C-alpha cells in the first residue's frame, strides 16, 4: 500500500472491477462506487473511464 489513501482506493476499486468481470451486478456495483469516488474528487482523472479502459485494453487516457 502507498501512503496516498486516494491512490490506494483507486487501486482497490480497479482490482474489484477486474475480479467482477462476467458478473454484471458486481460490475455495476463497482462502477457505481467509482462514480461516487469521481463525484467526490472532481479534479482527479475519471476512475470510471479508467475502469472501462482497463477492460477494453486501452490506455485509460484514451477512454477519458
C-alpha atoms as a PDB file:
ATOM      1  CA  UNK A   1       0.000   0.000   0.000  1.00  0.00           C
ATOM      2  CA  UNK A   2       1.099   3.523  -0.710  1.00  0.00           C
ATOM      3  CA  UNK A   3       0.971   6.496   1.613  1.00  0.00           C
ATOM      4  CA  UNK A   4      -1.748   8.039  -0.576  1.00  0.00           C
ATOM      5  CA  UNK A   5      -5.186   6.820   0.548  1.00  0.00           C
ATOM      6  CA  UNK A   6      -6.798   8.019  -2.693  1.00  0.00           C
ATOM      7  CA  UNK A   7      -4.361   6.014  -4.807  1.00  0.00           C
ATOM      8  CA  UNK A   8      -4.986   3.009  -2.584  1.00  0.00           C
ATOM      9  CA  UNK A   9      -8.765   3.363  -3.010  1.00  0.00           C
ATOM     10  CA  UNK A  10      -8.455   3.701  -6.791  1.00  0.00           C
ATOM     11  CA  UNK A  11      -6.279   0.579  -6.924  1.00  0.00           C
ATOM     12  CA  UNK A  12      -8.746  -1.283  -4.708  1.00  0.00           C
ATOM     13  CA  UNK A  13     -11.689  -0.398  -6.963  1.00  0.00           C
ATOM     14  CA  UNK A  14      -9.731  -1.326 -10.092  1.00  0.00           C
ATOM     15  CA  UNK A  15      -8.919  -4.721  -8.588  1.00  0.00           C
ATOM     16  CA  UNK A  16     -12.553  -5.255  -7.574  1.00  0.00           C
ATOM     17  CA  UNK A  17     -13.747  -4.315 -11.054  1.00  0.00           C
ATOM     18  CA  UNK A  18     -11.353  -6.691 -12.789  1.00  0.00           C
ATOM     19  CA  UNK A  19     -12.379  -9.511 -10.449  1.00  0.00           C
ATOM     20  CA  UNK A  20     -16.061  -8.752 -11.091  1.00  0.00           C
ATOM     21  CA  UNK A  21     -15.819  -9.288 -14.849  1.00  0.00           C
ATOM     22  CA  UNK A  22     -18.607 -11.588 -16.012  1.00  0.00           C
ATOM     23  CA  UNK A  23     -20.840 -10.741 -13.029  1.00  0.00           C
ATOM     24  CA  UNK A  24     -22.901  -7.803 -14.282  1.00  0.00           C
ATOM     25  CA  UNK A  25     -24.366  -6.976 -10.880  1.00  0.00           C
ATOM     26  CA  UNK A  26     -20.919  -6.864  -9.282  1.00  0.00           C
ATOM     27  CA  UNK A  27     -19.547  -4.792 -12.182  1.00  0.00           C
ATOM     28  CA  UNK A  28     -22.409  -2.299 -11.806  1.00  0.00           C
ATOM     29  CA  UNK A  29     -21.828  -2.081  -8.062  1.00  0.00           C
ATOM     30  CA  UNK A  30     -18.133  -1.270  -8.522  1.00  0.00           C
ATOM     31  CA  UNK A  31     -18.887   1.237 -11.286  1.00  0.00           C
ATOM     32  CA  UNK A  32     -21.410   2.958  -9.005  1.00  0.00           C
ATOM     33  CA  UNK A  33     -18.786   3.185  -6.271  1.00  0.00           C
ATOM     34  CA  UNK A  34     -16.273   4.536  -8.793  1.00  0.00           C
ATOM     35  CA  UNK A  35     -18.810   7.173  -9.870  1.00  0.00           C
ATOM     36  CA  UNK A  36     -19.260   8.205  -6.239  1.00  0.00           C
ATOM     37  CA  UNK A  37     -15.462   8.471  -5.988  1.00  0.00           C
ATOM     38  CA  UNK A  38     -15.375  10.615  -9.150  1.00  0.00           C
ATOM     39  CA  UNK A  39     -18.119  12.871  -7.788  1.00  0.00           C
ATOM     40  CA  UNK A  40     -16.178  13.339  -4.541  1.00  0.00           C
ATOM     41  CA  UNK A  41     -12.890  14.059  -6.364  1.00  0.00           C
ATOM     42  CA  UNK A  42     -13.812  16.063  -9.489  1.00  0.00           C
ATOM     43  CA  UNK A  43     -10.267  17.366 -10.078  1.00  0.00           C
ATOM     44  CA  UNK A  44      -8.838  13.857 -10.473  1.00  0.00           C
ATOM     45  CA  UNK A  45      -8.904  11.844 -13.685  1.00  0.00           C
ATOM     46  CA  UNK A  46     -12.108   9.842 -14.044  1.00  0.00           C
ATOM     47  CA  UNK A  47     -11.921   6.498 -12.286  1.00  0.00           C
ATOM     48  CA  UNK A  48     -14.950   5.235 -14.238  1.00  0.00           C
ATOM     49  CA  UNK A  49     -13.130   5.956 -17.511  1.00  0.00           C
ATOM     50  CA  UNK A  50     -10.025   4.203 -16.187  1.00  0.00           C
ATOM     51  CA  UNK A  51     -12.023   1.092 -15.239  1.00  0.00           C
ATOM     52  CA  UNK A  52     -13.764   0.941 -18.612  1.00  0.00           C
ATOM     53  CA  UNK A  53     -10.473   1.372 -20.449  1.00  0.00           C
ATOM     54  CA  UNK A  54      -8.871  -1.367 -18.358  1.00  0.00           C
ATOM     55  CA  UNK A  55     -11.322  -3.978 -19.592  1.00  0.00           C
ATOM     56  CA  UNK A  56     -11.291  -2.623 -23.139  1.00  0.00           C
ATOM     57  CA  UNK A  57      -7.497  -2.942 -23.233  1.00  0.00           C
ATOM     58  CA  UNK A  58      -6.980   0.765 -23.927  1.00  0.00           C
ATOM     59  CA  UNK A  59      -4.694   3.097 -22.041  1.00  0.00           C
ATOM     60  CA  UNK A  60      -7.022   4.834 -19.535  1.00  0.00           C
ATOM     61  CA  UNK A  61      -6.346   8.259 -21.020  1.00  0.00           C
ATOM     62  CA  UNK A  62      -7.794   7.163 -24.367  1.00  0.00           C
ATOM     63  CA  UNK A  63     -11.218   6.470 -22.856  1.00  0.00           C
ATOM     64  CA  UNK A  64     -11.344   9.740 -20.935  1.00  0.00           C
END
